[in-house]
Amino acid sequence: MNTNDKGLRISADIIGTNNGTDVYKLIKRGDVNKMSFAFTVKSERTEVDKENRIYTRTIIVFDKIYDVAVVDFSAYDGISMQARSKEYFIDLEKDLQEKQRRKRLLLMTYL
């Protein structure tokens, strides 16, 4: 689990039980596509629009993230998730390595 400029990124090893398999299939099909997590905040920014009664809290740095879970309804808009297999990432890494190899060969050809 880590954070970046787009948000929280997690990976999970899903156990091959009936519940684990069912949840994975629901995520993969898109029936369940939200996450929930508990956290403490290290740095944040608050904006208040009194006229429209809008309170906006922007988390700049998380202190600690706890208890990440798959849910039907998340507390925050804009949260989504999707399932990808381990093979997807292995293939992605192989493609990246092949592109880098071709780039090196191309550079060697012109040097």
C-alpha atoms as a PDB file:
ATOM      1  CA  MET A   1       0.000   0.000   0.000  1.00  0.00           C
ATOM      2  CA  ASN A   2       1.292   3.464  -0.874  1.00  0.00           C
ATOM      3  CA  THR A   3       0.081   6.926  -1.777  1.00  0.00           C
ATOM      4  CA  ASN A   4       0.887   9.049  -4.802  1.00  0.00           C
ATOM      5  CA  ASP A   5      -0.447  12.228  -6.416  1.00  0.00           C
ATOM      6  CA  LYS A   6      -3.580  10.341  -7.532  1.00  0.00           C
ATOM      7  CA  GLY A   7      -4.408   8.756  -4.184  1.00  0.00           C
ATOM      8  CA  LEU A   8      -4.029   5.445  -2.408  1.00  0.00           C
ATOM      9  CA  ARG A   9      -2.738   2.401  -4.265  1.00  0.00           C
ATOM     10  CA  ILE A  10      -3.106  -1.054  -2.767  1.00  0.00           C
ATOM     11  CA  SER A  11      -2.477  -4.613  -3.769  1.00  0.00           C
ATOM     12  CA  ALA A  12      -3.920  -7.671  -2.103  1.00  0.00           C
ATOM     13  CA  ASP A  13      -3.359 -11.395  -2.120  1.00  0.00           C
ATOM     14  CA  ILE A  14      -6.885 -12.765  -2.210  1.00  0.00           C
ATOM     15  CA  ILE A  15      -7.222 -16.116  -0.513  1.00  0.00           C
ATOM     16  CA  GLY A  16      -8.861 -18.858  -2.567  1.00  0.00           C
ATOM     17  CA  THR A  17     -11.855 -19.333  -0.272  1.00  0.00           C
ATOM     18  CA  ASN A  18     -15.447 -18.997  -1.481  1.00  0.00           C
ATOM     19  CA  ASN A  19     -15.667 -15.491   0.029  1.00  0.00           C
ATOM     20  CA  GLY A  20     -12.337 -14.394  -1.447  1.00  0.00           C
ATOM     21  CA  THR A  21     -13.207 -15.720  -4.900  1.00  0.00           C
ATOM     22  CA  ASP A  22     -16.694 -14.175  -4.794  1.00  0.00           C
ATOM     23  CA  VAL A  23     -15.392 -10.741  -3.781  1.00  0.00           C
ATOM     24  CA  TYR A  24     -12.723 -10.853  -6.506  1.00  0.00           C
ATOM     25  CA  LYS A  25     -15.346 -11.733  -9.139  1.00  0.00           C
ATOM     26  CA  LEU A  26     -17.647  -8.933  -7.934  1.00  0.00           C
ATOM     27  CA  ILE A  27     -14.782  -6.424  -8.160  1.00  0.00           C
ATOM     28  CA  LYS A  28     -13.646  -7.692 -11.573  1.00  0.00           C
ATOM     29  CA  ARG A  29     -17.185  -7.459 -12.956  1.00  0.00           C
ATOM     30  CA  GLY A  30     -17.666  -3.969 -11.487  1.00  0.00           C
ATOM     31  CA  ASP A  31     -20.498  -4.823  -9.093  1.00  0.00           C
ATOM     32  CA  VAL A  32     -18.347  -3.680  -6.166  1.00  0.00           C
ATOM     33  CA  ASN A  33     -16.025  -0.817  -7.079  1.00  0.00           C
ATOM     34  CA  LYS A  34     -15.516   1.350  -4.002  1.00  0.00           C
ATOM     35  CA  MET A  35     -13.079   1.357  -1.101  1.00  0.00           C
ATOM     36  CA  SER A  36     -13.184   2.530   2.458  1.00  0.00           C
ATOM     37  CA  PHE A  37     -10.245   3.175   4.730  1.00  0.00           C
ATOM     38  CA  ALA A  38      -9.527   4.667   8.107  1.00  0.00           C
ATOM     39  CA  PHE A  39      -6.686   7.147   8.442  1.00  0.00           C
ATOM     40  CA  THR A  40      -5.044   9.870  10.477  1.00  0.00           C
ATOM     41  CA  VAL A  41      -3.874  13.087   8.842  1.00  0.00           C
ATOM     42  CA  LYS A  42      -0.432  14.652   9.041  1.00  0.00           C
ATOM     43  CA  SER A  43      -1.149  17.710   6.870  1.00  0.00           C
ATOM     44  CA  GLU A  44      -4.363  19.114   5.421  1.00  0.00           C
ATOM     45  CA  ARG A  45      -5.908  22.239   3.927  1.00  0.00           C
ATOM     46  CA  THR A  46      -9.430  23.475   4.645  1.00  0.00           C
ATOM     47  CA  GLU A  47     -11.532  25.788   2.482  1.00  0.00           C
ATOM     48  CA  VAL A  48     -14.897  27.178   3.553  1.00  0.00           C
ATOM     49  CA  ASP A  49     -17.430  28.702   1.163  1.00  0.00           C
ATOM     50  CA  LYS A  50     -19.857  30.301   3.646  1.00  0.00           C
ATOM     51  CA  GLU A  51     -22.214  31.586   0.965  1.00  0.00           C
ATOM     52  CA  ASN A  52     -22.849  28.119  -0.484  1.00  0.00           C
ATOM     53  CA  ARG A  53     -22.224  26.301   2.802  1.00  0.00           C
ATOM     54  CA  ILE A  54     -19.488  24.145   1.287  1.00  0.00           C
ATOM     55  CA  TYR A  55     -16.675  22.821   3.457  1.00  0.00           C
ATOM     56  CA  THR A  56     -13.757  21.308   1.523  1.00  0.00           C
ATOM     57  CA  ARG A  57     -11.029  19.332   3.244  1.00  0.00           C
ATOM     58  CA  THR A  58      -7.954  18.452   1.195  1.00  0.00           C
ATOM     59  CA  ILE A  59      -5.574  15.919   2.678  1.00  0.00           C
ATOM     60  CA  ILE A  60      -2.014  16.781   1.728  1.00  0.00           C
ATOM     61  CA  VAL A  61      -0.168  14.073   3.686  1.00  0.00           C
ATOM     62  CA  PHE A  62      -1.581  11.007   5.443  1.00  0.00           C
ATOM     63  CA  ASP A  63      -0.039  10.173   8.804  1.00  0.00           C
ATOM     64  CA  LYS A  64      -1.185   6.558   8.858  1.00  0.00           C
ATOM     65  CA  ILE A  65      -3.705   4.510   6.870  1.00  0.00           C
ATOM     66  CA  TYR A  66      -5.623   1.706   8.569  1.00  0.00           C
ATOM     67  CA  ASP A  67      -8.188  -0.902   7.651  1.00  0.00           C
ATOM     68  CA  VAL A  68      -8.612  -0.744   3.867  1.00  0.00           C
ATOM     69  CA  ALA A  69     -11.802  -2.518   2.767  1.00  0.00           C
ATOM     70  CA  VAL A  70     -13.966  -3.158  -0.287  1.00  0.00           C
ATOM     71  CA  VAL A  71     -17.421  -1.567   0.072  1.00  0.00           C
ATOM     72  CA  ASP A  72     -20.579  -0.887  -1.939  1.00  0.00           C
ATOM     73  CA  PHE A  73     -20.813   2.752  -0.839  1.00  0.00           C
ATOM     74  CA  SER A  74     -17.770   4.830   0.070  1.00  0.00           C
ATOM     75  CA  ALA A  75     -17.678   7.887   2.296  1.00  0.00           C
ATOM     76  CA  TYR A  76     -15.889   9.937  -0.380  1.00  0.00           C
ATOM     77  CA  ASP A  77     -16.786  10.740  -3.984  1.00  0.00           C
ATOM     78  CA  GLY A  78     -14.239   9.847  -6.614  1.00  0.00           C
ATOM     79  CA  ILE A  79     -13.062   6.630  -4.990  1.00  0.00           C
ATOM     80  CA  SER A  80     -12.929   3.634  -7.273  1.00  0.00           C
ATOM     81  CA  MET A  81     -11.132   0.328  -7.566  1.00  0.00           C
ATOM     82  CA  GLN A  82     -10.649  -2.470 -10.027  1.00  0.00           C
ATOM     83  CA  ALA A  83      -9.276  -5.990 -10.044  1.00  0.00           C
ATOM     84  CA  ARG A  84      -6.209  -6.979 -11.986  1.00  0.00           C
ATOM     85  CA  SER A  85      -4.469 -10.299 -11.863  1.00  0.00           C
ATOM     86  CA  LYS A  86      -0.825 -10.777 -10.953  1.00  0.00           C
ATOM     87  CA  GLU A  87      -0.267 -11.912 -14.553  1.00  0.00           C
ATOM     88  CA  TYR A  88      -1.385  -8.465 -15.762  1.00  0.00           C
ATOM     89  CA  PHE A  89       1.505  -6.841 -13.895  1.00  0.00           C
ATOM     90  CA  ILE A  90       3.986  -9.513 -14.981  1.00  0.00           C
ATOM     91  CA  ASP A  91       3.005  -8.925 -18.630  1.00  0.00           C
ATOM     92  CA  LEU A  92       3.201  -5.160 -18.116  1.00  0.00           C
ATOM     93  CA  GLU A  93       6.736  -5.494 -16.725  1.00  0.00           C
ATOM     94  CA  LYS A  94       7.777  -7.757 -19.625  1.00  0.00           C
ATOM     95  CA  ASP A  95       6.429  -5.224 -22.144  1.00  0.00           C
ATOM     96  CA  LEU A  96       8.314  -2.408 -20.423  1.00  0.00           C
ATOM     97  CA  GLN A  97      11.558  -4.401 -20.423  1.00  0.00           C
ATOM     98  CA  GLU A  98      11.121  -5.236 -24.111  1.00  0.00           C
ATOM     99  CA  LYS A  99      10.545  -1.561 -24.991  1.00  0.00           C
ATOM    100  CA  GLN A 100      13.655  -0.574 -23.046  1.00  0.00           C
ATOM    101  CA  ARG A 101      15.683  -3.302 -24.785  1.00  0.00           C
ATOM    102  CA  ARG A 102      14.521  -2.114 -28.227  1.00  0.00           C
ATOM    103  CA  LYS A 103      15.344   1.478 -27.333  1.00  0.00           C
ATOM    104  CA  ARG A 104      18.887   0.468 -26.289  1.00  0.00           C
ATOM    105  CA  LEU A 105      19.356  -1.510 -29.517  1.00  0.00           C
ATOM    106  CA  LEU A 106      18.117   1.418 -31.568  1.00  0.00           C
ATOM    107  CA  LEU A 107      20.510   3.779 -29.802  1.00  0.00           C
ATOM    108  CA  MET A 108      23.397   1.345 -30.318  1.00  0.00           C
ATOM    109  CA  THR A 109      22.542   1.162 -34.027  1.00  0.00           C
ATOM    110  CA  TYR A 110      22.907   4.921 -34.466  1.00  0.00           C
ATOM    111  CA  LEU A 111      26.009   5.391 -32.312  1.00  0.00           C
END
